[in-house]
């Protein structure tokens, strides 16, 4: 039987997962990044995108190294 390819997560999906599993609250993450709580919640709920700059701020705080796989 052929192996099934594992669906790779997008960078946004990886970032949302990291935010949701972080020990930091969205409030604390908001204070540390300067991104509004509303924007963070909308991003996590997939009703808004983040700018690349804001995504980088979150990655820096959460110590993430996200990569899009081929």
N, C-alpha and C. Protein backbone atom coordinates (compact mmCIF):
# COMPACT_ATOMS: atom_id res chain seq x y z
N UNK A 1 0.82 -1.19 0.00
CA UNK A 1 0.00 0.00 0.00
C UNK A 1 0.87 1.25 0.00
N UNK A 2 0.52 2.24 -0.82
CA UNK A 2 1.32 3.47 -0.84
C UNK A 2 1.14 4.26 0.45
N UNK A 3 2.22 4.91 0.85
CA UNK A 3 2.15 5.75 2.05
C UNK A 3 1.36 7.01 1.75
N UNK A 4 0.58 7.40 2.71
CA UNK A 4 -0.14 8.66 2.57
C UNK A 4 0.77 9.79 2.97
N UNK A 5 0.75 10.82 2.18
CA UNK A 5 1.54 12.00 2.53
C UNK A 5 0.84 12.74 3.66
N UNK A 6 1.63 13.11 4.64
CA UNK A 6 1.11 13.88 5.75
C UNK A 6 0.88 15.32 5.28
N UNK A 7 -0.31 15.84 5.51
CA UNK A 7 -0.60 17.21 5.12
C UNK A 7 0.25 18.16 5.97
N UNK A 8 0.98 19.00 5.30
CA UNK A 8 1.85 19.94 5.99
C UNK A 8 1.06 21.17 6.41
N UNK A 9 1.39 21.67 7.57
CA UNK A 9 0.71 22.85 8.09
C UNK A 9 1.30 24.09 7.45
N UNK A 10 0.43 25.05 7.18
CA UNK A 10 0.89 26.34 6.68
C UNK A 10 1.59 27.09 7.81
N UNK A 11 2.29 28.13 7.46
CA UNK A 11 2.93 28.96 8.48
C UNK A 11 1.87 29.55 9.41
N UNK A 12 0.76 29.99 8.87
CA UNK A 12 -0.32 30.55 9.70
C UNK A 12 -0.84 29.48 10.67
N UNK A 13 -1.04 28.26 10.20
CA UNK A 13 -1.52 27.19 11.06
C UNK A 13 -0.51 26.88 12.17
N UNK A 14 0.76 26.88 11.83
CA UNK A 14 1.80 26.64 12.84
C UNK A 14 1.82 27.76 13.88
N UNK A 15 1.66 28.99 13.41
CA UNK A 15 1.68 30.14 14.31
C UNK A 15 0.46 30.13 15.24
N UNK A 16 -0.70 29.82 14.69
CA UNK A 16 -1.92 29.74 15.51
C UNK A 16 -1.76 28.66 16.57
N UNK A 17 -1.24 27.50 16.17
CA UNK A 17 -1.03 26.41 17.13
C UNK A 17 -0.07 26.84 18.24
N UNK A 18 0.98 27.56 17.87
CA UNK A 18 1.95 28.02 18.87
C UNK A 18 1.32 29.02 19.84
N UNK A 19 0.48 29.90 19.33
CA UNK A 19 -0.21 30.87 20.19
C UNK A 19 -1.15 30.15 21.15
N UNK A 20 -1.90 29.19 20.62
CA UNK A 20 -2.88 28.46 21.43
C UNK A 20 -2.22 27.59 22.50
N UNK A 21 -1.04 27.08 22.23
CA UNK A 21 -0.38 26.19 23.19
C UNK A 21 0.64 26.90 24.07
N UNK A 22 0.83 28.18 23.82
CA UNK A 22 1.79 28.96 24.60
C UNK A 22 1.30 29.12 26.04
N UNK A 23 2.25 29.23 26.94
CA UNK A 23 1.90 29.51 28.33
C UNK A 23 1.51 30.97 28.52
N UNK A 24 1.78 31.79 27.51
CA UNK A 24 1.41 33.21 27.59
C UNK A 24 -0.06 33.38 27.20
N UNK A 25 -0.75 34.23 27.93
CA UNK A 25 -2.12 34.56 27.55
C UNK A 25 -2.07 35.50 26.34
N UNK A 26 -3.17 35.62 25.65
CA UNK A 26 -3.21 36.56 24.52
C UNK A 26 -3.01 37.99 25.01
N UNK A 27 -3.49 38.26 26.22
CA UNK A 27 -3.30 39.58 26.80
C UNK A 27 -1.81 39.87 26.97
N UNK A 28 -1.09 38.91 27.55
CA UNK A 28 0.35 39.08 27.78
C UNK A 28 1.10 39.18 26.45
N UNK A 29 0.74 38.32 25.51
CA UNK A 29 1.36 38.35 24.19
C UNK A 29 1.10 39.69 23.51
N UNK A 30 -0.09 40.21 23.70
CA UNK A 30 -0.44 41.52 23.16
C UNK A 30 0.46 42.62 23.74
N UNK A 31 0.64 42.59 25.05
CA UNK A 31 1.50 43.58 25.70
C UNK A 31 2.94 43.47 25.22
N UNK A 32 3.43 42.26 25.05
CA UNK A 32 4.82 42.05 24.68
C UNK A 32 5.12 42.38 23.22
N UNK A 33 4.11 42.25 22.34
CA UNK A 33 4.32 42.47 20.91
C UNK A 33 3.79 43.81 20.41
N UNK A 34 2.87 44.41 21.16
CA UNK A 34 2.23 45.63 20.69
C UNK A 34 1.09 45.36 19.71
N UNK A 35 0.72 44.10 19.55
CA UNK A 35 -0.40 43.71 18.69
C UNK A 35 -1.65 43.68 19.56
N UNK A 36 -2.74 44.27 19.10
CA UNK A 36 -3.95 44.32 19.93
C UNK A 36 -4.48 42.92 20.21
N UNK A 37 -5.13 42.77 21.37
CA UNK A 37 -5.75 41.49 21.70
C UNK A 37 -6.79 41.11 20.66
N UNK A 38 -7.48 42.10 20.17
CA UNK A 38 -8.51 41.87 19.15
C UNK A 38 -7.89 41.27 17.89
N UNK A 39 -6.79 41.85 17.44
CA UNK A 39 -6.12 41.34 16.24
C UNK A 39 -5.62 39.92 16.44
N UNK A 40 -5.06 39.63 17.63
CA UNK A 40 -4.59 38.28 17.93
C UNK A 40 -5.76 37.28 17.92
N UNK A 41 -6.86 37.66 18.56
CA UNK A 41 -8.02 36.77 18.61
C UNK A 41 -8.60 36.53 17.22
N UNK A 42 -8.68 37.57 16.42
CA UNK A 42 -9.20 37.42 15.07
C UNK A 42 -8.28 36.53 14.23
N UNK A 43 -6.99 36.65 14.42
CA UNK A 43 -6.05 35.80 13.70
C UNK A 43 -6.23 34.34 14.12
N UNK A 44 -6.27 34.09 15.42
CA UNK A 44 -6.43 32.72 15.92
C UNK A 44 -7.76 32.13 15.45
N UNK A 45 -8.78 32.96 15.37
CA UNK A 45 -10.10 32.50 14.90
C UNK A 45 -10.22 32.50 13.38
N UNK A 46 -9.13 32.80 12.70
CA UNK A 46 -9.04 32.77 11.24
C UNK A 46 -10.00 33.73 10.53
N UNK A 47 -10.24 34.89 11.18
CA UNK A 47 -11.07 35.90 10.53
C UNK A 47 -10.24 37.12 10.11
N UNK A 48 -8.94 37.05 10.37
CA UNK A 48 -8.04 38.15 10.03
C UNK A 48 -6.64 37.59 9.82
N UNK A 49 -5.90 38.20 8.93
CA UNK A 49 -4.50 37.83 8.73
C UNK A 49 -3.62 38.77 9.54
N UNK A 50 -2.39 38.35 9.77
CA UNK A 50 -1.39 39.19 10.41
C UNK A 50 -0.40 39.68 9.37
N UNK A 51 0.13 40.85 9.60
CA UNK A 51 1.21 41.31 8.74
C UNK A 51 2.45 40.46 9.03
N UNK A 52 3.36 40.45 8.09
CA UNK A 52 4.61 39.70 8.28
C UNK A 52 5.37 40.24 9.50
N UNK A 53 5.36 41.53 9.66
CA UNK A 53 6.04 42.14 10.80
C UNK A 53 5.46 41.67 12.13
N UNK A 54 4.13 41.60 12.21
CA UNK A 54 3.51 41.13 13.44
C UNK A 54 3.76 39.64 13.67
N UNK A 55 3.76 38.87 12.61
CA UNK A 55 4.08 37.44 12.73
C UNK A 55 5.50 37.28 13.25
N UNK A 56 6.42 38.09 12.77
CA UNK A 56 7.81 38.03 13.23
C UNK A 56 7.92 38.39 14.71
N UNK A 57 7.13 39.37 15.16
CA UNK A 57 7.14 39.74 16.58
C UNK A 57 6.70 38.55 17.45
N UNK A 58 5.65 37.87 17.02
CA UNK A 58 5.15 36.72 17.78
C UNK A 58 6.20 35.61 17.79
N UNK A 59 6.80 35.36 16.63
CA UNK A 59 7.84 34.33 16.55
C UNK A 59 9.00 34.64 17.48
N UNK A 60 9.38 35.89 17.56
CA UNK A 60 10.50 36.29 18.42
C UNK A 60 10.16 36.04 19.89
N UNK A 61 8.96 36.43 20.31
CA UNK A 61 8.54 36.26 21.70
C UNK A 61 8.40 34.78 22.05
N UNK A 62 7.81 34.00 21.14
CA UNK A 62 7.58 32.58 21.41
C UNK A 62 8.78 31.71 21.04
N UNK A 63 9.84 32.35 20.54
CA UNK A 63 11.07 31.65 20.13
C UNK A 63 10.78 30.56 19.09
N UNK A 64 10.09 30.99 18.03
CA UNK A 64 9.70 30.08 16.95
C UNK A 64 10.57 30.28 15.73
N UNK A 65 10.77 29.20 15.01
CA UNK A 65 11.46 29.23 13.73
C UNK A 65 10.54 28.49 12.75
N UNK A 66 9.62 29.23 12.14
CA UNK A 66 8.62 28.61 11.27
C UNK A 66 9.11 28.57 9.84
N UNK A 67 8.82 27.47 9.18
CA UNK A 67 9.22 27.31 7.78
C UNK A 67 8.10 26.64 7.01
N UNK A 68 7.93 27.11 5.80
CA UNK A 68 6.98 26.47 4.89
C UNK A 68 7.70 25.35 4.19
N UNK A 69 7.16 24.15 4.27
CA UNK A 69 7.76 22.99 3.62
C UNK A 69 7.20 22.82 2.23
N UNK A 70 8.00 22.23 1.34
CA UNK A 70 7.53 21.92 -0.01
C UNK A 70 6.80 20.61 -0.03
